[in-house]
Amino acid sequence: MDARRFVNAMYSSQHVHPVTQVVMNLPKDAAEFLDVFRGILRNRQTGHIAMPKIHVYGFSKAEDPEYDFHERINLALCDSVMGVEMHRVRLVAPGKWMLCASFTLPESVAYAKANYITC
């Protein structure tokens, strides 16, 4: 199933399935799919659903790959995500790192107005 449809299906039923961990392990494109979480709970009351921990993989050729990848996460979620645990997985080519970023989905993102085009 397409990742966007799967995440929407998990959160669209009357009884939200408890999602504690999300692994987005396609490093080429995973960060671009993070926008699916923006507004995922906008039609529900706040405080009743635990926010999932998201583990997203990505590549970076930047001089500071952790900063670059964190900025791409912020851009995809249209928010400033705090508490991101970042680690380098491996060097895949000269100057190109695969990274894994782990963070708890901010409530401000989950309950925000959905916006798939721009922030």
C-alpha atoms as a PDB file:
ATOM      1  CA  MET A   1       0.000   0.000   0.000  1.00  0.00           C
ATOM      2  CA  ASP A   2       1.181   3.527  -0.694  1.00  0.00           C
ATOM      3  CA  ALA A   3       2.725   5.076   2.450  1.00  0.00           C
ATOM      4  CA  ARG A   4       0.373   8.077   2.440  1.00  0.00           C
ATOM      5  CA  ARG A   5      -2.710   5.866   2.151  1.00  0.00           C
ATOM      6  CA  PHE A   6      -1.429   3.539   4.874  1.00  0.00           C
ATOM      7  CA  VAL A   7      -0.793   6.329   7.413  1.00  0.00           C
ATOM      8  CA  ASN A   8      -4.137   7.961   6.624  1.00  0.00           C
ATOM      9  CA  ALA A   9      -5.903   4.613   7.017  1.00  0.00           C
ATOM     10  CA  MET A  10      -4.243   4.032  10.398  1.00  0.00           C
ATOM     11  CA  TYR A  11      -5.537   7.357  11.723  1.00  0.00           C
ATOM     12  CA  SER A  12      -8.870   7.720   9.911  1.00  0.00           C
ATOM     13  CA  SER A  13     -10.987   5.121  11.685  1.00  0.00           C
ATOM     14  CA  GLN A  14     -13.178   6.038  14.654  1.00  0.00           C
ATOM     15  CA  HIS A  15     -10.895   4.020  16.910  1.00  0.00           C
ATOM     16  CA  VAL A  16      -7.355   5.053  16.135  1.00  0.00           C
ATOM     17  CA  HIS A  17      -4.997   2.129  16.264  1.00  0.00           C
ATOM     18  CA  PRO A  18      -2.184   2.767  18.732  1.00  0.00           C
ATOM     19  CA  VAL A  19       0.881   3.566  16.648  1.00  0.00           C
ATOM     20  CA  THR A  20       3.989   3.838  18.786  1.00  0.00           C
ATOM     21  CA  GLN A  21       6.764   3.563  16.190  1.00  0.00           C
ATOM     22  CA  VAL A  22       6.986   4.498  12.514  1.00  0.00           C
ATOM     23  CA  VAL A  23      10.007   3.439  10.465  1.00  0.00           C
ATOM     24  CA  MET A  24      10.461   5.248   7.171  1.00  0.00           C
ATOM     25  CA  ASN A  25      13.407   3.383   5.731  1.00  0.00           C
ATOM     26  CA  LEU A  26      13.545   4.478   2.086  1.00  0.00           C
ATOM     27  CA  PRO A  27      16.432   6.936   2.428  1.00  0.00           C
ATOM     28  CA  LYS A  28      16.057   8.547  -0.995  1.00  0.00           C
ATOM     29  CA  ASP A  29      12.467   9.742  -0.461  1.00  0.00           C
ATOM     30  CA  ALA A  30      11.353   9.112   3.135  1.00  0.00           C
ATOM     31  CA  ALA A  31      11.657  12.720   4.352  1.00  0.00           C
ATOM     32  CA  GLU A  32       9.311  13.872   1.573  1.00  0.00           C
ATOM     33  CA  PHE A  33       6.573  11.610   2.969  1.00  0.00           C
ATOM     34  CA  LEU A  34       6.685  13.193   6.445  1.00  0.00           C
ATOM     35  CA  ASP A  35       4.080  15.756   5.389  1.00  0.00           C
ATOM     36  CA  VAL A  36       1.436  13.021   5.680  1.00  0.00           C
ATOM     37  CA  PHE A  37       1.648  13.454   9.473  1.00  0.00           C
ATOM     38  CA  ARG A  38       0.746  17.163   9.330  1.00  0.00           C
ATOM     39  CA  GLY A  39      -2.834  17.419  10.560  1.00  0.00           C
ATOM     40  CA  ILE A  40      -3.279  13.662  10.898  1.00  0.00           C
ATOM     41  CA  LEU A  41      -5.261  14.184  14.151  1.00  0.00           C
ATOM     42  CA  ARG A  42      -6.829  17.583  13.380  1.00  0.00           C
ATOM     43  CA  ASN A  43     -10.370  16.213  13.700  1.00  0.00           C
ATOM     44  CA  ARG A  44      -9.793  14.636  17.117  1.00  0.00           C
ATOM     45  CA  GLN A  45      -9.570  15.994  20.639  1.00  0.00           C
ATOM     46  CA  THR A  46      -6.057  16.729  21.871  1.00  0.00           C
ATOM     47  CA  GLY A  47      -4.398  14.756  24.637  1.00  0.00           C
ATOM     48  CA  HIS A  48      -6.060  11.371  24.049  1.00  0.00           C
ATOM     49  CA  ILE A  49      -3.656   9.818  21.569  1.00  0.00           C
ATOM     50  CA  ALA A  50       0.020   9.095  22.187  1.00  0.00           C
ATOM     51  CA  MET A  51       2.297  10.591  19.550  1.00  0.00           C
ATOM     52  CA  PRO A  52       4.371   8.049  17.621  1.00  0.00           C
ATOM     53  CA  LYS A  53       8.146   7.994  17.547  1.00  0.00           C
ATOM     54  CA  ILE A  54       9.240   8.413  13.935  1.00  0.00           C
ATOM     55  CA  HIS A  55      12.494   6.971  12.599  1.00  0.00           C
ATOM     56  CA  VAL A  56      13.259   8.428   9.179  1.00  0.00           C
ATOM     57  CA  TYR A  57      16.264   7.649   7.001  1.00  0.00           C
ATOM     58  CA  GLY A  58      17.841   9.976   4.482  1.00  0.00           C
ATOM     59  CA  PHE A  59      20.939  10.914   2.540  1.00  0.00           C
ATOM     60  CA  SER A  60      22.980  14.090   2.775  1.00  0.00           C
ATOM     61  CA  LYS A  61      26.026  15.398   0.916  1.00  0.00           C
ATOM     62  CA  ALA A  62      26.152  18.583   3.011  1.00  0.00           C
ATOM     63  CA  GLU A  63      29.180  19.650   5.021  1.00  0.00           C
ATOM     64  CA  ASP A  64      27.021  19.234   8.143  1.00  0.00           C
ATOM     65  CA  PRO A  65      24.742  16.310   7.191  1.00  0.00           C
ATOM     66  CA  GLU A  66      22.877  16.222  10.523  1.00  0.00           C
ATOM     67  CA  TYR A  67      21.914  19.891  10.263  1.00  0.00           C
ATOM     68  CA  ASP A  68      20.926  19.485   6.600  1.00  0.00           C
ATOM     69  CA  PHE A  69      18.710  16.468   7.286  1.00  0.00           C
ATOM     70  CA  HIS A  70      17.111  18.123  10.333  1.00  0.00           C
ATOM     71  CA  GLU A  71      16.249  21.164   8.197  1.00  0.00           C
ATOM     72  CA  ARG A  72      14.633  18.912   5.582  1.00  0.00           C
ATOM     73  CA  ILE A  73      12.533  17.301   8.326  1.00  0.00           C
ATOM     74  CA  ASN A  74      11.441  20.727   9.589  1.00  0.00           C
ATOM     75  CA  LEU A  75      10.556  21.783   6.053  1.00  0.00           C
ATOM     76  CA  ALA A  76       8.510  18.635   5.377  1.00  0.00           C
ATOM     77  CA  LEU A  77       6.557  19.011   8.636  1.00  0.00           C
ATOM     78  CA  CYS A  78       6.240  22.821   8.377  1.00  0.00           C
ATOM     79  CA  ASP A  79       7.382  23.042  11.983  1.00  0.00           C
ATOM     80  CA  SER A  80      10.544  23.158  14.050  1.00  0.00           C
ATOM     81  CA  VAL A  81      11.000  19.667  15.472  1.00  0.00           C
ATOM     82  CA  MET A  82      12.866  19.543  18.775  1.00  0.00           C
ATOM     83  CA  GLY A  83      14.579  16.575  20.381  1.00  0.00           C
ATOM     84  CA  VAL A  84      15.714  14.910  17.169  1.00  0.00           C
ATOM     85  CA  GLU A  85      18.172  12.077  17.781  1.00  0.00           C
ATOM     86  CA  MET A  86      20.384  11.887  14.723  1.00  0.00           C
ATOM     87  CA  HIS A  87      23.040   9.369  13.849  1.00  0.00           C
ATOM     88  CA  ARG A  88      25.117   8.536  10.817  1.00  0.00           C
ATOM     89  CA  VAL A  89      24.328   5.052   9.558  1.00  0.00           C
ATOM     90  CA  ARG A  90      27.063   4.740   6.948  1.00  0.00           C
ATOM     91  CA  LEU A  91      29.000   6.514   4.252  1.00  0.00           C
ATOM     92  CA  VAL A  92      27.406   5.421   0.959  1.00  0.00           C
ATOM     93  CA  ALA A  93      29.702   7.373  -1.377  1.00  0.00           C
ATOM     94  CA  PRO A  94      32.507   9.871  -0.899  1.00  0.00           C
ATOM     95  CA  GLY A  95      30.926  12.738   1.047  1.00  0.00           C
ATOM     96  CA  LYS A  96      27.422  11.204   1.046  1.00  0.00           C
ATOM     97  CA  TRP A  97      26.030   9.987   4.374  1.00  0.00           C
ATOM     98  CA  MET A  98      22.999   7.874   5.146  1.00  0.00           C
ATOM     99  CA  LEU A  99      21.447   9.169   8.369  1.00  0.00           C
ATOM    100  CA  CYS A 100      18.679   8.106  10.705  1.00  0.00           C
ATOM    101  CA  ALA A 101      16.676  10.739  12.568  1.00  0.00           C
ATOM    102  CA  SER A 102      14.382   9.704  15.410  1.00  0.00           C
ATOM    103  CA  PHE A 103      11.844  12.008  17.052  1.00  0.00           C
ATOM    104  CA  THR A 104       8.428  12.019  18.634  1.00  0.00           C
ATOM    105  CA  LEU A 105       5.824  13.562  16.355  1.00  0.00           C
ATOM    106  CA  PRO A 106       5.046  17.001  17.817  1.00  0.00           C
ATOM    107  CA  GLU A 107       1.401  17.516  18.772  1.00  0.00           C
ATOM    108  CA  SER A 108       1.586  20.879  17.004  1.00  0.00           C
ATOM    109  CA  VAL A 109       2.141  18.960  13.758  1.00  0.00           C
ATOM    110  CA  ALA A 110      -0.414  16.194  14.387  1.00  0.00           C
ATOM    111  CA  TYR A 111      -3.236  18.644  15.182  1.00  0.00           C
ATOM    112  CA  ALA A 112      -2.255  21.301  12.608  1.00  0.00           C
ATOM    113  CA  LYS A 113      -4.168  22.214   9.503  1.00  0.00           C
ATOM    114  CA  ALA A 114      -3.069  19.806   6.757  1.00  0.00           C
ATOM    115  CA  ASN A 115      -1.003  21.474   4.076  1.00  0.00           C
ATOM    116  CA  TYR A 116       0.535  19.236   1.433  1.00  0.00           C
ATOM    117  CA  ILE A 117       1.732  21.980  -0.922  1.00  0.00           C
ATOM    118  CA  THR A 118       3.592  24.659   1.036  1.00  0.00           C
ATOM    119  CA  CYS A 119       4.036  25.891   4.574  1.00  0.00           C
END
